[in-house]
Structures are given as structure tokens and as C-alpha cells.
Amino acid sequence: QERDEHPRRGNEERKQKYPSEQEHRRDRSGDRDRHRDHADRRKNPSERPGGRGHERERDAQNIREQQAEREFYNERRREHRQNNEGSSVDQNPELGQSDNKPKDKAAVKKEKPSFELSGALLEDTNTFRGVVIKYSEPPEARIPKKRWRLYPFKNDEFLPVMYIHRQSAYLLGRHRRIADIPIDHPSCSKQHAVFQYRLVEYTRADGTIGRRVRPYIIDLGSGNGTFLNNQRIEPQRYYELKEKDVLKFGFSSREYVLLHESSDKSEANTKDDDEEEEKEEESDS
């Protein structure tokens, strides 16, 4: 009995002597279990209640629900359209016979404004020697019967006379390829102005109305302007010219005096010339 009881007593004494060791072992085993749980959670974050995997599942579920709602509403809209089309055909059975007329009207109403180039402006433009000219002659343009001339002066220097009665219009500018009367001053534009003859009506002394060809000047929107008797004229507007008028272009020092072949004659002779010119124009028209 003593032999059997001796080891039991030893164990009990050890337990009494060393209770802290057993508790320490239990604590260590509990720490190991906690560490294993933590490692497993790190490996599988979707198992955590507030993890990223859970949030992704929520987002995917929301997207699915939204897509389902969209499909549902789209189907309802299609059904509604089909019902409307069927009802319109049933209410108006005569539309099948006269389908062309309402369709044409609807097409006219649905036409939208077009802001593309129509080419209407290009019909009025003139192209000469590969250059587009800004100016086009009016329908009342005529070649004069009276022989008009331009007398250019540079300071006190007298320059060659320009005869300007062979055409109905003369383009003045710095572009020598297209200009009828070239102006080489750098302040002048390539297409500066136009000297135009026009058939216009006037009232005679006895009150009757006659027609005659008169010279006009028009500025083509030049940068430095055209001057008539030292006064700048407005662009894109006709100004009637009279005998002994003085023209200047830009900042050029040249002056152009307008005269004709009968300028040295008496006033009676000039009146006779005007009447003859008027008769000729009426006969031509």
C-alpha cells in the first residue's frame, strides 16, 4: 500500500508545489489557439464580418439589382411603344391607303437647319488668274461712251495718264496679277478699291427722268481706306464721282484727278455730250 500511495503523494505534492507551471502551460496553449484563429482570418478576409470581400459582395449585389430594374423598365417602355403604335393604326385604318402624304409632311417638319456651306456665295464671286476677287459687278454696270481719264500726281511730278473708258470696272490694288490699276504703296491692300461705271436715272430740268452712265468708287474694306477729296469714304458703299474729283488710296502720296476728254470744252459742249450719251444708252437698252 505504501508503494502505491507513494507516487500519488508525489504527484499531489508536485501539484501543490508547482500550480503556477500548470496555469502557465494552459495560458500558452490558449495563446496558440488565438494565434491560429488570427492567422486563419488573415488568410481568408472574406470570413470577417467587416472585410473587403463582404463589401465587394454588397457592391456586386447592388449592381445586379440596378441592372434588373433597368431591364424591367426598358421592357415596360417597349411594351408601351408597341401598344401606342398598334392603337394608332387601329384608330386610323385609312392611313394605309394614303401613307405618302402624311409621311412627306412629317419629313418636312422634321428637317433641321443646315449650317454647312451651300455654295450660294461662291456663285457671285469671280475668279481671275486663280485668285478669288472680292468684288462682283452690279447688273447696272455699263461701259461708258465718254472717255474718262485719271491724271496721277506725285507731289509736283506729273505721271502718265490712265485711260479708263474701255471697261465697265477697274480694280485698284497692290496685287499686280489681278489689278487693273496697280498701286504699289505698302499701305494699300491687295484688292483696295474698284472704279465702277453704272447706268443710273436722273431728273432733267423739265422734270422728266433720263438715264446716263456715271463713274463711282467703292472701297473693298481696305485697311487704310480710300479718300475722296481728302475725306475717307465708308467701305462697301458706292460714291458718285464728278469731274475734277481727287482720289487717294491709303497713305500713298499719289493723287488721282478724274477728268474726261471734253473737260477743256465749254459747258454747252459737255451738256451735248451727256445728251448724246443718254440717247445711246436708251437705244442699247
Protein backbone atom coordinates (compact mmCIF):
# COMPACT_ATOMS: atom_id res chain seq x y z
CA GLN A 1 0.00 0.00 0.00
CA GLU A 2 2.80 2.38 0.86
CA ARG A 3 4.38 1.71 -2.58
CA ASP A 4 1.11 2.51 -4.37
CA GLU A 5 0.42 5.59 -2.30
CA HIS A 6 3.94 6.97 -2.65
CA PRO A 7 3.74 8.09 -6.32
CA ARG A 8 0.28 9.56 -5.77
CA ARG A 9 1.52 11.59 -2.92
CA GLY A 10 4.43 12.73 -5.04
CA ASN A 11 2.13 13.94 -7.75
CA GLU A 12 -0.13 15.73 -5.32
CA GLU A 13 2.82 17.37 -3.66
CA ARG A 14 4.14 18.48 -7.03
CA LYS A 15 0.76 19.91 -7.96
CA GLN A 16 0.62 21.77 -4.70
CA LYS A 17 4.21 22.97 -5.04
CA TYR A 18 4.03 23.98 -8.68
CA PRO A 19 0.47 25.20 -9.50
CA SER A 20 1.82 28.13 -11.48
CA GLU A 21 3.50 25.88 -14.07
CA GLN A 22 0.21 24.22 -14.99
CA GLU A 23 -1.51 27.59 -15.35
CA HIS A 24 1.38 28.80 -17.46
CA ARG A 25 1.01 25.80 -19.77
CA ARG A 26 -2.73 26.43 -20.11
CA ASP A 27 -2.12 30.06 -20.91
CA ARG A 28 0.42 29.12 -23.55
CA SER A 29 -1.98 26.65 -25.17
CA GLY A 30 -4.72 29.34 -25.20
CA ASP A 31 -2.35 31.84 -26.85
CA ARG A 32 -1.51 29.29 -29.53
CA ASP A 33 -5.19 28.78 -30.32
CA ARG A 34 -5.76 32.55 -30.61
CA HIS A 35 -2.76 32.93 -32.89
CA ARG A 36 -4.09 30.19 -35.17
CA ASP A 37 -7.51 31.87 -35.39
CA HIS A 38 -5.90 35.20 -36.25
CA ALA A 39 -3.76 33.63 -38.99
CA ASP A 40 -6.79 31.90 -40.49
CA ARG A 41 -8.68 35.20 -40.60
CA ARG A 42 -5.79 36.92 -42.35
CA LYS A 43 -5.72 34.19 -44.96
CA ASN A 44 -9.49 34.40 -45.57
CA PRO A 45 -10.54 38.06 -45.14
CA SER A 46 -13.97 37.32 -46.67
CA GLU A 47 -14.93 35.44 -43.49
CA ARG A 48 -14.63 38.60 -41.38
CA PRO A 49 -17.94 40.45 -40.93
CA GLY A 50 -16.50 43.86 -41.93
CA GLY A 51 -13.90 42.71 -44.51
CA ARG A 52 -13.32 43.90 -48.06
CA GLY A 53 -14.75 40.76 -49.56
CA HIS A 54 -18.03 41.39 -47.85
CA GLU A 55 -18.13 44.97 -49.22
CA ARG A 56 -17.41 43.71 -52.73
CA GLU A 57 -20.24 41.25 -52.49
CA ARG A 58 -22.56 44.05 -51.44
CA ASP A 59 -21.48 46.26 -54.38
CA ALA A 60 -21.94 43.40 -56.84
CA GLN A 61 -25.37 42.69 -55.45
CA ASN A 62 -26.38 46.36 -55.75
CA ILE A 63 -25.19 46.46 -59.36
CA ARG A 64 -27.20 43.35 -60.17
CA GLU A 65 -30.30 44.86 -58.64
CA GLN A 66 -29.86 48.08 -60.63
CA GLN A 67 -29.41 46.16 -63.89
CA ALA A 68 -32.52 44.16 -63.19
CA GLU A 69 -34.50 47.36 -62.57
CA ARG A 70 -33.25 48.88 -65.82
CA GLU A 71 -34.19 45.83 -67.82
CA PHE A 72 -37.62 45.83 -66.22
CA TYR A 73 -38.25 49.50 -67.09
CA ASN A 74 -36.91 49.03 -70.63
CA GLU A 75 -39.31 46.17 -71.22
CA ARG A 76 -42.19 48.28 -69.97
CA ARG A 77 -41.23 51.11 -72.32
CA ARG A 78 -41.06 48.76 -75.30
CA GLU A 79 -44.46 47.36 -74.49
CA HIS A 80 -45.87 50.86 -74.13
CA ARG A 81 -44.47 51.91 -77.54
CA GLN A 82 -45.82 48.82 -79.24
CA ASN A 83 -49.23 49.41 -77.73
CA ASN A 84 -49.25 53.03 -78.90
CA GLU A 85 -48.26 52.08 -82.45
CA GLY A 86 -50.94 49.40 -82.60
CA SER A 87 -53.62 51.75 -81.29
CA SER A 88 -52.72 54.47 -83.80
CA VAL A 89 -53.01 52.02 -86.70
CA ASP A 90 -56.35 50.72 -85.40
CA GLN A 91 -57.81 54.21 -84.94
CA ASN A 92 -56.77 55.37 -88.43
CA PRO A 93 -57.16 52.44 -90.85
CA GLU A 94 -57.21 54.84 -93.82
CA LEU A 95 -53.57 55.69 -93.24
CA GLY A 96 -52.55 52.56 -95.10
CA GLN A 97 -54.03 53.95 -98.32
CA SER A 98 -52.53 57.45 -98.09
CA ASP A 99 -49.22 56.76 -96.38
CA ASN A 100 -47.22 59.00 -98.68
CA LYS A 101 -48.85 62.34 -97.83
CA PRO A 102 -48.50 62.30 -94.00
CA LYS A 103 -45.01 60.88 -94.26
CA ASP A 104 -43.99 63.72 -96.55
CA LYS A 105 -45.45 66.28 -94.17
CA ALA A 106 -43.69 64.73 -91.22
CA ALA A 107 -40.42 64.69 -93.13
CA VAL A 108 -40.78 68.39 -93.92
CA LYS A 109 -41.44 69.21 -90.28
CA LYS A 110 -38.50 67.16 -89.04
CA GLU A 111 -35.99 68.89 -91.28
CA LYS A 112 -33.32 70.61 -89.20
CA PRO A 113 -31.41 73.75 -90.17
CA SER A 114 -28.17 73.05 -92.01
CA PHE A 115 -25.18 75.27 -91.29
CA GLU A 116 -22.92 73.73 -93.92
CA LEU A 117 -21.57 75.62 -96.94
CA SER A 118 -24.29 75.85 -99.56
CA GLY A 119 -22.15 77.38 -102.30
CA ALA A 120 -24.53 80.33 -102.78
CA LEU A 121 -21.81 82.84 -102.02
CA LEU A 122 -19.42 81.24 -104.49
CA GLU A 123 -21.86 81.83 -107.32
CA ASP A 124 -21.37 85.59 -107.08
CA THR A 125 -17.60 85.54 -106.68
CA ASN A 126 -15.24 85.95 -109.61
CA THR A 127 -12.01 84.05 -110.07
CA PHE A 128 -9.39 85.64 -112.29
CA ARG A 129 -5.99 84.03 -112.90
CA GLY A 130 -6.50 81.69 -109.96
CA VAL A 131 -7.32 84.49 -107.49
CA VAL A 132 -10.79 84.98 -105.99
CA ILE A 133 -11.88 88.59 -106.43
CA LYS A 134 -13.81 90.13 -103.55
CA TYR A 135 -15.97 92.23 -105.84
CA SER A 136 -18.64 91.39 -108.40
CA GLU A 137 -20.15 93.94 -110.77
CA PRO A 138 -23.77 95.05 -110.31
CA PRO A 139 -26.39 94.44 -113.02
CA GLU A 140 -26.44 98.14 -113.95
CA ALA A 141 -22.74 98.08 -114.94
CA ARG A 142 -22.08 99.64 -118.34
CA ILE A 143 -19.12 100.68 -120.48
CA PRO A 144 -19.13 104.48 -120.75
CA LYS A 145 -19.34 106.38 -124.01
CA LYS A 146 -17.48 109.30 -122.52
CA ARG A 147 -13.72 108.88 -122.38
CA TRP A 148 -12.78 109.30 -118.74
CA ARG A 149 -9.16 109.63 -117.63
CA LEU A 150 -7.16 109.58 -114.39
CA TYR A 151 -4.30 112.04 -114.07
CA PRO A 152 -1.91 110.85 -111.32
CA PHE A 153 0.33 113.32 -109.49
CA LYS A 154 3.12 112.58 -107.00
CA ASN A 155 3.88 115.81 -105.19
CA ASP A 156 4.59 118.11 -108.16
CA GLU A 157 5.63 115.31 -110.52
CA PHE A 158 3.33 114.58 -113.45
CA LEU A 159 2.83 110.86 -114.22
CA PRO A 160 1.44 109.12 -117.32
CA VAL A 161 -2.29 109.46 -117.94
CA MET A 162 -4.55 106.42 -117.34
CA TYR A 163 -7.38 105.87 -119.82
CA ILE A 164 -10.29 104.24 -118.01
CA HIS A 165 -13.12 104.13 -120.55
CA ARG A 166 -12.57 100.72 -122.16
CA GLN A 167 -14.05 98.62 -119.33
CA SER A 168 -17.08 98.84 -117.07
CA ALA A 169 -14.96 98.38 -113.92
CA TYR A 170 -11.30 98.77 -112.88
CA LEU A 171 -9.81 97.03 -109.85
CA LEU A 172 -7.22 99.03 -107.92
CA GLY A 173 -4.81 97.29 -105.57
CA ARG A 174 -1.36 96.02 -104.76
CA HIS A 175 -1.89 92.57 -106.33
CA ARG A 176 -0.38 93.10 -109.77
CA ARG A 177 -1.65 89.76 -111.04
CA ILE A 178 -5.29 90.85 -110.97
CA ALA A 179 -5.23 94.64 -110.51
CA ASP A 180 -6.25 96.76 -113.50
CA ILE A 181 -4.65 99.82 -111.92
CA PRO A 182 -1.76 98.68 -109.68
CA ILE A 183 -0.96 100.61 -106.51
CA ASP A 184 2.46 99.69 -105.15
CA HIS A 185 2.38 101.56 -101.85
CA PRO A 186 2.72 99.17 -98.85
CA SER A 187 -0.18 100.87 -97.02
CA CYS A 188 -2.61 99.79 -99.76
CA SER A 189 -4.42 96.45 -99.77
CA LYS A 190 -4.09 93.77 -102.44
CA GLN A 191 -7.68 94.46 -103.51
CA HIS A 192 -8.16 98.02 -102.35
CA ALA A 193 -10.99 99.64 -104.34
CA VAL A 194 -12.98 99.44 -107.58
CA PHE A 195 -13.71 102.16 -110.12
CA GLN A 196 -17.20 101.23 -111.42
CA TYR A 197 -19.43 102.68 -114.18
CA ARG A 198 -23.18 102.39 -113.51
CA LEU A 199 -26.29 103.24 -115.52
CA VAL A 200 -28.41 105.43 -113.21
CA GLU A 201 -31.51 107.54 -113.54
CA TYR A 202 -31.60 111.31 -113.11
CA THR A 203 -34.17 114.08 -113.39
CA ARG A 204 -33.88 116.57 -116.24
CA ALA A 205 -34.61 120.27 -115.98
CA ASP A 206 -38.09 119.79 -117.47
CA GLY A 207 -38.95 117.18 -114.82
CA THR A 208 -38.60 114.10 -117.00
CA ILE A 209 -36.46 111.14 -115.96
CA GLY A 210 -33.46 110.09 -118.00
CA ARG A 211 -30.60 107.61 -117.70
CA ARG A 212 -26.89 108.04 -118.04
CA VAL A 213 -23.64 106.26 -117.17
CA ARG A 214 -21.76 107.77 -114.23
CA PRO A 215 -18.46 106.78 -112.57
CA TYR A 216 -18.44 105.51 -108.99
CA ILE A 217 -15.79 104.46 -106.49
CA ILE A 218 -16.23 101.71 -103.88
CA ASP A 219 -13.78 100.72 -101.14
CA LEU A 220 -13.41 96.94 -100.66
CA GLY A 221 -12.83 97.12 -96.90
CA SER A 222 -9.18 98.16 -97.17
CA GLY A 223 -7.06 98.54 -94.08
CA ASN A 224 -6.08 102.19 -94.53
CA GLY A 225 -9.09 103.40 -96.51
CA THR A 226 -9.87 105.35 -99.66
CA PHE A 227 -10.08 109.15 -99.68
CA LEU A 228 -12.35 111.24 -101.92
CA ASN A 229 -11.38 114.92 -101.87
CA ASN A 230 -9.36 114.32 -98.66
CA GLN A 231 -12.32 112.66 -96.89
CA ARG A 232 -12.31 108.97 -96.09
CA ILE A 233 -15.25 107.08 -97.58
CA GLU A 234 -17.12 104.21 -95.97
CA PRO A 235 -16.26 100.69 -97.16
CA GLN A 236 -18.62 98.65 -99.35
CA ARG A 237 -20.56 101.70 -100.47
CA TYR A 238 -20.76 103.45 -103.87
CA TYR A 239 -19.78 107.11 -104.11
CA GLU A 240 -20.53 109.00 -107.30
CA LEU A 241 -17.55 110.76 -108.84
CA LYS A 242 -17.62 114.06 -110.61
CA GLU A 243 -15.23 115.84 -112.86
CA LYS A 244 -12.06 117.11 -111.14
CA ASP A 245 -12.56 114.90 -108.07
CA VAL A 246 -9.33 113.83 -106.34
CA LEU A 247 -8.76 110.24 -105.13
CA LYS A 248 -6.13 108.96 -102.70
CA PHE A 249 -5.51 105.41 -101.50
CA GLY A 250 -4.05 104.51 -98.11
CA PHE A 251 -1.07 106.62 -97.06
CA SER A 252 0.24 106.97 -100.58
CA SER A 253 1.25 110.48 -101.60
CA ARG A 254 -0.11 109.99 -105.13
CA GLU A 255 -3.27 111.85 -106.06
CA TYR A 256 -5.55 110.84 -108.94
CA VAL A 257 -7.59 113.57 -110.61
CA LEU A 258 -10.64 112.47 -112.60
CA LEU A 259 -11.18 114.24 -115.97
CA HIS A 260 -12.51 113.36 -119.42
CA GLU A 261 -11.75 114.31 -122.98
CA SER A 262 -14.19 117.25 -123.08
CA SER A 263 -13.08 118.78 -119.79
CA ASP A 264 -11.44 121.68 -121.64
CA LYS A 265 -14.59 122.46 -123.66
CA SER A 266 -17.39 124.76 -122.67
CA GLU A 267 -20.37 123.74 -120.53
CA ALA A 268 -22.61 123.66 -123.61
CA ASN A 269 -20.45 121.06 -125.24
CA THR A 270 -20.47 118.92 -122.09
CA LYS A 271 -24.28 119.06 -121.95
CA ASP A 272 -24.46 117.96 -125.56
CA ASP A 273 -22.15 115.05 -124.78
CA ASP A 274 -24.34 113.97 -121.85
CA GLU A 275 -27.46 114.04 -124.03
CA GLU A 276 -25.81 112.02 -126.77
CA GLU A 277 -24.58 109.50 -124.22
CA GLU A 278 -28.09 109.21 -122.74
CA LYS A 279 -29.65 108.57 -126.15
CA GLU A 280 -27.12 105.89 -126.93
CA GLU A 281 -27.75 104.13 -123.62
CA GLU A 282 -31.52 104.18 -124.14
CA SER A 283 -31.11 102.75 -127.63
CA ASP A 284 -28.86 99.98 -126.28
CA SER A 285 -31.32 99.07 -123.53
